[in-house]
Amino acid sequence: MTKKDELKLTEGSRYKVISIGGRDAALETEGVFKGFASIGIDEGGMQIELSERHGDMQGKIRIVALHAILAIDILDAKEGDKKDDSKDTNHYYG
C-alpha cells in the first residue's frame, strides 16, 4: 500500500464500529467520529457521537477502547485535513 492509498480515520466521517461487547455478543456503535481519547495511561479510544440508530442515546458520545475493536465499516468518509506529511511530529509523554 502506498502512502497515497493509506486509509485514515477522519473527524466528521460516519463509521460503524463492531467491538467486544458482552459475554456472547459484539457491541455495534454507529455514528460520527469525533476523534481519539486517552483512557488511563497507556490506552486510547475512539470518540463516536451516536446516531439515531441508538434511540435515546442519540447525540451522546461513546468511547470505544482501541484494543476492543473487531471491525470498522466506513459508511460516509469525509476528506481529511491536508497536512504536510514531510514534517514529523514527535510527542513526549512524561
PDB file of N, CA and C in Angstrom:
ATOM      1  N   MET A   1       0.848  -1.182   0.000  1.00  0.00           N
ATOM      2  CA  MET A   1       0.000   0.000   0.000  1.00  0.00           C
ATOM      3  C   MET A   1       0.887   1.236   0.000  1.00  0.00           C
ATOM      4  N   THR A   2       0.647   2.120  -0.910  1.00  0.00           N
ATOM      5  CA  THR A   2       1.439   3.339  -0.981  1.00  0.00           C
ATOM      6  C   THR A   2       0.902   4.376  -0.011  1.00  0.00           C
ATOM      7  N   LYS A   3       1.687   5.393   0.218  1.00  0.00           N
ATOM      8  CA  LYS A   3       1.290   6.483   1.113  1.00  0.00           C
ATOM      9  C   LYS A   3      -0.034   7.096   0.652  1.00  0.00           C
ATOM     10  N   LYS A   4      -0.223   7.187  -0.660  1.00  0.00           N
ATOM     11  CA  LYS A   4      -1.430   7.780  -1.219  1.00  0.00           C
ATOM     12  C   LYS A   4      -2.670   6.918  -0.937  1.00  0.00           C
ATOM     13  N   ASP A   5      -2.485   5.603  -0.835  1.00  0.00           N
ATOM     14  CA  ASP A   5      -3.596   4.680  -0.641  1.00  0.00           C
ATOM     15  C   ASP A   5      -3.967   4.459   0.820  1.00  0.00           C
ATOM     16  N   GLU A   6      -3.212   5.031   1.757  1.00  0.00           N
ATOM     17  CA  GLU A   6      -3.472   4.801   3.172  1.00  0.00           C
ATOM     18  C   GLU A   6      -4.836   5.327   3.585  1.00  0.00           C
ATOM     19  N   LEU A   7      -5.518   4.552   4.415  1.00  0.00           N
ATOM     20  CA  LEU A   7      -6.788   4.989   4.995  1.00  0.00           C
ATOM     21  C   LEU A   7      -6.528   5.574   6.363  1.00  0.00           C
ATOM     22  N   LYS A   8      -7.234   6.642   6.676  1.00  0.00           N
ATOM     23  CA  LYS A   8      -7.121   7.271   7.990  1.00  0.00           C
ATOM     24  C   LYS A   8      -8.524   7.570   8.484  1.00  0.00           C
ATOM     25  N   LEU A   9      -8.728   7.423   9.783  1.00  0.00           N
ATOM     26  CA  LEU A   9      -9.997   7.814  10.373  1.00  0.00           C
ATOM     27  C   LEU A   9     -10.039   9.341  10.393  1.00  0.00           C
ATOM     28  N   THR A  10     -11.105   9.918   9.854  1.00  0.00           N
ATOM     29  CA  THR A  10     -11.198  11.371   9.778  1.00  0.00           C
ATOM     30  C   THR A  10     -12.400  11.875  10.559  1.00  0.00           C
ATOM     31  N   GLU A  11     -12.193  12.960  11.269  1.00  0.00           N
ATOM     32  CA  GLU A  11     -13.276  13.567  12.041  1.00  0.00           C
ATOM     33  C   GLU A  11     -14.404  13.976  11.106  1.00  0.00           C
ATOM     34  N   GLY A  12     -15.624  13.714  11.537  1.00  0.00           N
ATOM     35  CA  GLY A  12     -16.795  14.043  10.732  1.00  0.00           C
ATOM     36  C   GLY A  12     -17.272  12.898   9.863  1.00  0.00           C
ATOM     37  N   SER A  13     -16.475  11.842   9.726  1.00  0.00           N
ATOM     38  CA  SER A  13     -16.882  10.674   8.944  1.00  0.00           C
ATOM     39  C   SER A  13     -17.808   9.798   9.771  1.00  0.00           C
ATOM     40  N   ARG A  14     -18.698   9.069   9.076  1.00  0.00           N
ATOM     41  CA  ARG A  14     -19.605   8.139   9.769  1.00  0.00           C
ATOM     42  C   ARG A  14     -19.054   6.725   9.665  1.00  0.00           C
ATOM     43  N   TYR A  15     -19.001   6.065  10.799  1.00  0.00           N
ATOM     44  CA  TYR A  15     -18.477   4.697  10.869  1.00  0.00           C
ATOM     45  C   TYR A  15     -19.432   3.818  11.660  1.00  0.00           C
ATOM     46  N   LYS A  16     -19.369   2.515  11.398  1.00  0.00           N
ATOM     47  CA  LYS A  16     -19.992   1.528  12.265  1.00  0.00           C
ATOM     48  C   LYS A  16     -18.847   0.704  12.825  1.00  0.00           C
ATOM     49  N   VAL A  17     -18.718   0.714  14.142  1.00  0.00           N
ATOM     50  CA  VAL A  17     -17.624   0.019  14.815  1.00  0.00           C
ATOM     51  C   VAL A  17     -18.203  -1.195  15.532  1.00  0.00           C
ATOM     52  N   ILE A  18     -17.628  -2.343  15.259  1.00  0.00           N
ATOM     53  CA  ILE A  18     -18.013  -3.564  15.953  1.00  0.00           C
ATOM     54  C   ILE A  18     -16.885  -3.876  16.921  1.00  0.00           C
ATOM     55  N   SER A  19     -17.246  -3.990  18.198  1.00  0.00           N
ATOM     56  CA  SER A  19     -16.233  -4.204  19.228  1.00  0.00           C
ATOM     57  C   SER A  19     -16.684  -5.305  20.181  1.00  0.00           C
ATOM     58  N   ILE A  20     -15.764  -5.708  21.018  1.00  0.00           N
ATOM     59  CA  ILE A  20     -16.067  -6.719  22.018  1.00  0.00           C
ATOM     60  C   ILE A  20     -17.135  -6.161  22.943  1.00  0.00           C
ATOM     61  N   GLY A  21     -18.214  -6.906  23.098  1.00  0.00           N
ATOM     62  CA  GLY A  21     -19.323  -6.452  23.931  1.00  0.00           C
ATOM     63  C   GLY A  21     -19.454  -7.329  25.155  1.00  0.00           C
ATOM     64  N   GLY A  22     -20.647  -7.823  25.361  1.00  0.00           N
ATOM     65  CA  GLY A  22     -20.915  -8.693  26.500  1.00  0.00           C
ATOM     66  C   GLY A  22     -20.341 -10.082  26.288  1.00  0.00           C
ATOM     67  N   ARG A  23     -20.827 -10.988  27.051  1.00  0.00           N
ATOM     68  CA  ARG A  23     -20.317 -12.347  27.071  1.00  0.00           C
ATOM     69  C   ARG A  23     -20.344 -13.033  25.709  1.00  0.00           C
ATOM     70  N   ASP A  24     -21.497 -13.039  25.050  1.00  0.00           N
ATOM     71  CA  ASP A  24     -21.634 -13.758  23.781  1.00  0.00           C
ATOM     72  C   ASP A  24     -22.021 -12.869  22.609  1.00  0.00           C
ATOM     73  N   ALA A  25     -21.879 -11.577  22.756  1.00  0.00           N
ATOM     74  CA  ALA A  25     -22.326 -10.671  21.700  1.00  0.00           C
ATOM     75  C   ALA A  25     -21.311  -9.563  21.471  1.00  0.00           C
ATOM     76  N   ALA A  26     -21.305  -9.074  20.232  1.00  0.00           N
ATOM     77  CA  ALA A  26     -20.467  -7.920  19.900  1.00  0.00           C
ATOM     78  C   ALA A  26     -21.295  -6.653  20.117  1.00  0.00           C
ATOM     79  N   LEU A  27     -20.618  -5.554  20.334  1.00  0.00           N
ATOM     80  CA  LEU A  27     -21.263  -4.252  20.514  1.00  0.00           C
ATOM     81  C   LEU A  27     -21.121  -3.480  19.202  1.00  0.00           C
ATOM     82  N   GLU A  28     -22.247  -3.016  18.651  1.00  0.00           N
ATOM     83  CA  GLU A  28     -22.210  -2.216  17.432  1.00  0.00           C
ATOM     84  C   GLU A  28     -22.430  -0.755  17.796  1.00  0.00           C
ATOM     85  N   THR A  29     -21.529   0.078  17.320  1.00  0.00           N
ATOM     86  CA  THR A  29     -21.606   1.518  17.559  1.00  0.00           C
ATOM     87  C   THR A  29     -21.607   2.206  16.209  1.00  0.00           C
ATOM     88  N   GLU A  30     -22.650   2.979  15.925  1.00  0.00           N
ATOM     89  CA  GLU A  30     -22.742   3.688  14.652  1.00  0.00           C
ATOM     90  C   GLU A  30     -22.872   5.174  14.920  1.00  0.00           C
ATOM     91  N   GLY A  31     -22.073   5.966  14.219  1.00  0.00           N
ATOM     92  CA  GLY A  31     -22.161   7.404  14.393  1.00  0.00           C
ATOM     93  C   GLY A  31     -21.008   8.143  13.756  1.00  0.00           C
ATOM     94  N   VAL A  32     -20.863   9.394  14.161  1.00  0.00           N
ATOM     95  CA  VAL A  32     -19.857  10.296  13.596  1.00  0.00           C
ATOM     96  C   VAL A  32     -18.607  10.279  14.471  1.00  0.00           C
ATOM     97  N   PHE A  33     -17.472  10.061  13.835  1.00  0.00           N
ATOM     98  CA  PHE A  33     -16.180  10.028  14.526  1.00  0.00           C
ATOM     99  C   PHE A  33     -15.795  11.440  14.948  1.00  0.00           C
ATOM    100  N   LYS A  34     -15.505  11.615  16.249  1.00  0.00           N
ATOM    101  CA  LYS A  34     -15.157  12.923  16.791  1.00  0.00           C
ATOM    102  C   LYS A  34     -13.685  13.046  17.162  1.00  0.00           C
ATOM    103  N   GLY A  35     -12.942  11.944  17.129  1.00  0.00           N
ATOM    104  CA  GLY A  35     -11.522  11.998  17.462  1.00  0.00           C
ATOM    105  C   GLY A  35     -11.148  10.866  18.392  1.00  0.00           C
ATOM    106  N   PHE A  36      -9.984  10.994  18.975  1.00  0.00           N
ATOM    107  CA  PHE A  36      -9.473   9.972  19.881  1.00  0.00           C
ATOM    108  C   PHE A  36      -9.457  10.503  21.305  1.00  0.00           C
ATOM    109  N   ALA A  37      -9.514   9.582  22.254  1.00  0.00           N
ATOM    110  CA  ALA A  37      -9.491   9.946  23.672  1.00  0.00           C
ATOM    111  C   ALA A  37      -8.472   9.077  24.380  1.00  0.00           C
ATOM    112  N   SER A  38      -7.849   9.634  25.401  1.00  0.00           N
ATOM    113  CA  SER A  38      -6.947   8.860  26.252  1.00  0.00           C
ATOM    114  C   SER A  38      -7.767   8.197  27.342  1.00  0.00           C
ATOM    115  N   ILE A  39      -7.463   6.933  27.585  1.00  0.00           N
ATOM    116  CA  ILE A  39      -8.116   6.196  28.664  1.00  0.00           C
ATOM    117  C   ILE A  39      -6.987   5.699  29.556  1.00  0.00           C
ATOM    118  N   GLY A  40      -6.830   6.324  30.689  1.00  0.00           N
ATOM    119  CA  GLY A  40      -5.732   5.951  31.576  1.00  0.00           C
ATOM    120  C   GLY A  40      -4.395   6.373  30.997  1.00  0.00           C
ATOM    121  N   ILE A  41      -3.361   5.617  31.340  1.00  0.00           N
ATOM    122  CA  ILE A  41      -2.003   5.980  30.939  1.00  0.00           C
ATOM    123  C   ILE A  41      -1.641   5.447  29.558  1.00  0.00           C
ATOM    124  N   ASP A  42      -1.975   4.174  29.306  1.00  0.00           N
ATOM    125  CA  ASP A  42      -1.488   3.521  28.093  1.00  0.00           C
ATOM    126  C   ASP A  42      -2.557   3.146  27.088  1.00  0.00           C
ATOM    127  N   GLU A  43      -3.765   3.552  27.289  1.00  0.00           N
ATOM    128  CA  GLU A  43      -4.851   3.102  26.419  1.00  0.00           C
ATOM    129  C   GLU A  43      -5.525   4.286  25.742  1.00  0.00           C
ATOM    130  N   GLY A  44      -6.098   4.013  24.581  1.00  0.00           N
ATOM    131  CA  GLY A  44      -6.814   5.041  23.846  1.00  0.00           C
ATOM    132  C   GLY A  44      -8.131   4.510  23.339  1.00  0.00           C
ATOM    133  N   GLY A  45      -8.959   5.413  22.863  1.00  0.00           N
ATOM    134  CA  GLY A  45     -10.251   5.009  22.337  1.00  0.00           C
ATOM    135  C   GLY A  45     -10.742   5.974  21.286  1.00  0.00           C
ATOM    136  N   MET A  46     -11.737   5.523  20.523  1.00  0.00           N
ATOM    137  CA  MET A  46     -12.389   6.354  19.516  1.00  0.00           C
ATOM    138  C   MET A  46     -13.585   7.033  20.155  1.00  0.00           C
ATOM    139  N   GLN A  47     -13.743   8.327  19.921  1.00  0.00           N
ATOM    140  CA  GLN A  47     -14.930   9.048  20.372  1.00  0.00           C
ATOM    141  C   GLN A  47     -15.924   9.064  19.216  1.00  0.00           C
ATOM    142  N   ILE A  48     -17.124   8.524  19.464  1.00  0.00           N
ATOM    143  CA  ILE A  48     -18.138   8.459  18.420  1.00  0.00           C
ATOM    144  C   ILE A  48     -19.435   9.070  18.941  1.00  0.00           C
ATOM    145  N   GLU A  49     -19.965  10.036  18.191  1.00  0.00           N
ATOM    146  CA  GLU A  49     -21.273  10.602  18.520  1.00  0.00           C
ATOM    147  C   GLU A  49     -22.323   9.661  17.945  1.00  0.00           C
ATOM    148  N   LEU A  50     -23.156   9.101  18.822  1.00  0.00           N
ATOM    149  CA  LEU A  50     -24.093   8.065  18.431  1.00  0.00           C
ATOM    150  C   LEU A  50     -25.176   8.577  17.493  1.00  0.00           C
ATOM    151  N   SER A  51     -25.538   7.742  16.511  1.00  0.00           N
ATOM    152  CA  SER A  51     -26.561   8.093  15.521  1.00  0.00           C
ATOM    153  C   SER A  51     -27.961   7.802  16.052  1.00  0.00           C
ATOM    154  N   GLU A  52     -28.957   8.110  15.222  1.00  0.00           N
ATOM    155  CA  GLU A  52     -30.354   7.870  15.588  1.00  0.00           C
ATOM    156  C   GLU A  52     -30.649   6.388  15.804  1.00  0.00           C
ATOM    157  N   ARG A  53     -29.828   5.544  15.264  1.00  0.00           N
ATOM    158  CA  ARG A  53     -29.973   4.089  15.432  1.00  0.00           C
ATOM    159  C   ARG A  53     -29.931   3.685  16.905  1.00  0.00           C
ATOM    160  N   HIS A  54     -29.350   4.524  17.749  1.00  0.00           N
ATOM    161  CA  HIS A  54     -29.182   4.216  19.167  1.00  0.00           C
ATOM    162  C   HIS A  54     -30.317   4.765  20.037  1.00  0.00           C
ATOM    163  N   GLY A  55     -31.392   5.232  19.406  1.00  0.00           N
ATOM    164  CA  GLY A  55     -32.583   5.673  20.138  1.00  0.00           C
ATOM    165  C   GLY A  55     -32.319   6.827  21.089  1.00  0.00           C
ATOM    166  N   ASP A  56     -32.640   6.621  22.368  1.00  0.00           N
ATOM    167  CA  ASP A  56     -32.489   7.677  23.381  1.00  0.00           C
ATOM    168  C   ASP A  56     -31.047   8.117  23.579  1.00  0.00           C
ATOM    169  N   MET A  57     -30.114   7.311  23.146  1.00  0.00           N
ATOM    170  CA  MET A  57     -28.694   7.638  23.303  1.00  0.00           C
ATOM    171  C   MET A  57     -28.171   8.513  22.159  1.00  0.00           C
ATOM    172  N   GLN A  58     -29.013   8.800  21.155  1.00  0.00           N
ATOM    173  CA  GLN A  58     -28.591   9.612  20.019  1.00  0.00           C
ATOM    174  C   GLN A  58     -27.963  10.917  20.492  1.00  0.00           C
ATOM    175  N   GLY A  59     -26.827  11.259  19.892  1.00  0.00           N
ATOM    176  CA  GLY A  59     -26.141  12.505  20.222  1.00  0.00           C
ATOM    177  C   GLY A  59     -25.143  12.379  21.360  1.00  0.00           C
ATOM    178  N   LYS A  60     -25.215  11.300  22.112  1.00  0.00           N
ATOM    179  CA  LYS A  60     -24.257  11.064  23.199  1.00  0.00           C
ATOM    180  C   LYS A  60     -22.940  10.592  22.596  1.00  0.00           C
ATOM    181  N   ILE A  61     -21.858  10.762  23.346  1.00  0.00           N
ATOM    182  CA  ILE A  61     -20.539  10.318  22.902  1.00  0.00           C
ATOM    183  C   ILE A  61     -20.219   8.978  23.550  1.00  0.00           C
ATOM    184  N   ARG A  62     -19.817   8.012  22.722  1.00  0.00           N
ATOM    185  CA  ARG A  62     -19.352   6.719  23.223  1.00  0.00           C
ATOM    186  C   ARG A  62     -17.866   6.616  22.915  1.00  0.00           C
ATOM    187  N   ILE A  63     -17.104   6.175  23.885  1.00  0.00           N
ATOM    188  CA  ILE A  63     -15.680   5.929  23.667  1.00  0.00           C
ATOM    189  C   ILE A  63     -15.488   4.426  23.563  1.00  0.00           C
ATOM    190  N   VAL A  64     -14.970   3.983  22.432  1.00  0.00           N
ATOM    191  CA  VAL A  64     -14.720   2.570  22.197  1.00  0.00           C
ATOM    192  C   VAL A  64     -13.217   2.353  22.329  1.00  0.00           C
ATOM    193  N   ALA A  65     -12.819   1.506  23.280  1.00  0.00           N
ATOM    194  CA  ALA A  65     -11.401   1.229  23.503  1.00  0.00           C
ATOM    195  C   ALA A  65     -10.786   0.603  22.253  1.00  0.00           C
ATOM    196  N   LEU A  66      -9.618   1.081  21.870  1.00  0.00           N
ATOM    197  CA  LEU A  66      -8.977   0.603  20.646  1.00  0.00           C
ATOM    198  C   LEU A  66      -8.685  -0.893  20.690  1.00  0.00           C
ATOM    199  N   HIS A  67      -8.315  -1.418  21.855  1.00  0.00           N
ATOM    200  CA  HIS A  67      -7.984  -2.849  21.931  1.00  0.00           C
ATOM    201  C   HIS A  67      -9.224  -3.739  21.790  1.00  0.00           C
ATOM    202  N   ALA A  68     -10.426  -3.160  21.914  1.00  0.00           N
ATOM    203  CA  ALA A  68     -11.662  -3.935  21.834  1.00  0.00           C
ATOM    204  C   ALA A  68     -12.277  -3.952  20.435  1.00  0.00           C
ATOM    205  N   ILE A  69     -11.737  -3.176  19.503  1.00  0.00           N
ATOM    206  CA  ILE A  69     -12.318  -3.062  18.161  1.00  0.00           C
ATOM    207  C   ILE A  69     -12.051  -4.328  17.354  1.00  0.00           C
ATOM    208  N   LEU A  70     -13.138  -4.866  16.767  1.00  0.00           N
ATOM    209  CA  LEU A  70     -13.044  -6.043  15.906  1.00  0.00           C
ATOM    210  C   LEU A  70     -13.100  -5.646  14.430  1.00  0.00           C
ATOM    211  N   ALA A  71     -13.919  -4.650  14.094  1.00  0.00           N
ATOM    212  CA  ALA A  71     -14.065  -4.207  12.704  1.00  0.00           C
ATOM    213  C   ALA A  71     -14.601  -2.781  12.667  1.00  0.00           C
ATOM    214  N   ILE A  72     -14.274  -2.073  11.577  1.00  0.00           N
ATOM    215  CA  ILE A  72     -14.791  -0.730  11.349  1.00  0.00           C
ATOM    216  C   ILE A  72     -15.325  -0.676   9.922  1.00  0.00           C
ATOM    217  N   ASP A  73     -16.616  -0.355   9.782  1.00  0.00           N
ATOM    218  CA  ASP A  73     -17.222  -0.156   8.468  1.00  0.00           C
ATOM    219  C   ASP A  73     -17.265   1.339   8.193  1.00  0.00           C
ATOM    220  N   ILE A  74     -16.813   1.748   7.017  1.00  0.00           N
ATOM    221  CA  ILE A  74     -16.836   3.150   6.626  1.00  0.00           C
ATOM    222  C   ILE A  74     -18.161   3.405   5.921  1.00  0.00           C
ATOM    223  N   LEU A  75     -19.028   4.202   6.539  1.00  0.00           N
ATOM    224  CA  LEU A  75     -20.344   4.481   5.975  1.00  0.00           C
ATOM    225  C   LEU A  75     -20.343   5.750   5.134  1.00  0.00           C
ATOM    226  N   ASP A  76     -19.591   6.762   5.564  1.00  0.00           N
ATOM    227  CA  ASP A  76     -19.515   8.034   4.841  1.00  0.00           C
ATOM    228  C   ASP A  76     -18.200   8.705   5.214  1.00  0.00           C
ATOM    229  N   ALA A  77     -17.233   8.674   4.305  1.00  0.00           N
ATOM    230  CA  ALA A  77     -15.906   9.225   4.590  1.00  0.00           C
ATOM    231  C   ALA A  77     -15.826  10.688   4.187  1.00  0.00           C
ATOM    232  N   LYS A  78     -15.283  11.494   5.081  1.00  0.00           N
ATOM    233  CA  LYS A  78     -15.029  12.912   4.800  1.00  0.00           C
ATOM    234  C   LYS A  78     -13.550  13.068   4.464  1.00  0.00           C
ATOM    235  N   GLU A  79     -13.251  14.088   3.695  1.00  0.00           N
ATOM    236  CA  GLU A  79     -11.854  14.383   3.376  1.00  0.00           C
ATOM    237  C   GLU A  79     -11.123  14.809   4.640  1.00  0.00           C
ATOM    238  N   GLY A  80      -9.923  14.277   4.820  1.00  0.00           N
ATOM    239  CA  GLY A  80      -9.107  14.670   5.963  1.00  0.00           C
ATOM    240  C   GLY A  80      -8.436  15.992   5.717  1.00  0.00           C
ATOM    241  N   ASP A  81      -7.897  16.577   6.774  1.00  0.00           N
ATOM    242  CA  ASP A  81      -7.146  17.822   6.648  1.00  0.00           C
ATOM    243  C   ASP A  81      -5.887  17.559   5.846  1.00  0.00           C
ATOM    244  N   LYS A  82      -5.567  18.465   4.974  1.00  0.00           N
ATOM    245  CA  LYS A  82      -4.330  18.354   4.202  1.00  0.00           C
ATOM    246  C   LYS A  82      -3.175  18.794   5.096  1.00  0.00           C
ATOM    247  N   LYS A  83      -2.301  17.854   5.413  1.00  0.00           N
ATOM    248  CA  LYS A  83      -1.147  18.153   6.252  1.00  0.00           C
ATOM    249  C   LYS A  83       0.113  17.850   5.476  1.00  0.00           C
ATOM    250  N   ASP A  84       1.163  18.534   5.833  1.00  0.00           N
ATOM    251  CA  ASP A  84       2.453  18.291   5.205  1.00  0.00           C
ATOM    252  C   ASP A  84       3.053  17.043   5.833  1.00  0.00           C
ATOM    253  N   ASP A  85       3.003  15.907   5.101  1.00  0.00           N
ATOM    254  CA  ASP A  85       3.498  14.637   5.624  1.00  0.00           C
ATOM    255  C   ASP A  85       5.013  14.605   5.766  1.00  0.00           C
ATOM    256  N   SER A  86       5.700  15.594   5.188  1.00  0.00           N
ATOM    257  CA  SER A  86       7.153  15.595   5.295  1.00  0.00           C
ATOM    258  C   SER A  86       7.614  16.027   6.683  1.00  0.00           C
ATOM    259  N   LYS A  87       6.722  16.653   7.448  1.00  0.00           N
ATOM    260  CA  LYS A  87       7.069  17.088   8.797  1.00  0.00           C
ATOM    261  C   LYS A  87       6.718  15.978   9.777  1.00  0.00           C
ATOM    262  N   ASP A  88       7.695  15.523  10.520  1.00  0.00           N
ATOM    263  CA  ASP A  88       7.455  14.515  11.547  1.00  0.00           C
ATOM    264  C   ASP A  88       7.111  15.222  12.848  1.00  0.00           C
ATOM    265  N   THR A  89       6.087  14.752  13.502  1.00  0.00           N
ATOM    266  CA  THR A  89       5.697  15.302  14.789  1.00  0.00           C
ATOM    267  C   THR A  89       6.111  14.324  15.864  1.00  0.00           C
ATOM    268  N   ASN A  90       6.933  14.776  16.776  1.00  0.00           N
ATOM    269  CA  ASN A  90       7.368  13.927  17.865  1.00  0.00           C
ATOM    270  C   ASN A  90       6.598  14.306  19.114  1.00  0.00           C
ATOM    271  N   HIS A  91       6.097  13.303  19.808  1.00  0.00           N
ATOM    272  CA  HIS A  91       5.367  13.533  21.049  1.00  0.00           C
ATOM    273  C   HIS A  91       6.136  12.921  22.199  1.00  0.00           C
ATOM    274  N   TYR A  92       6.123  13.598  23.305  1.00  0.00           N
ATOM    275  CA  TYR A  92       6.747  13.070  24.505  1.00  0.00           C
ATOM    276  C   TYR A  92       5.734  13.129  25.631  1.00  0.00           C
ATOM    277  N   TYR A  93       5.449  11.979  26.189  1.00  0.00           N
ATOM    278  CA  TYR A  93       4.522  11.909  27.316  1.00  0.00           C
ATOM    279  C   TYR A  93       5.316  11.519  28.539  1.00  0.00           C
ATOM    280  N   GLY A  94       5.318  12.386  29.531  1.00  0.00           N
ATOM    281  CA  GLY A  94       6.122  12.118  30.715  1.00  0.00           C
ATOM    282  C   GLY A  94       5.314  11.837  31.945  1.00  0.00           C
TER     283      GLY A  94
END
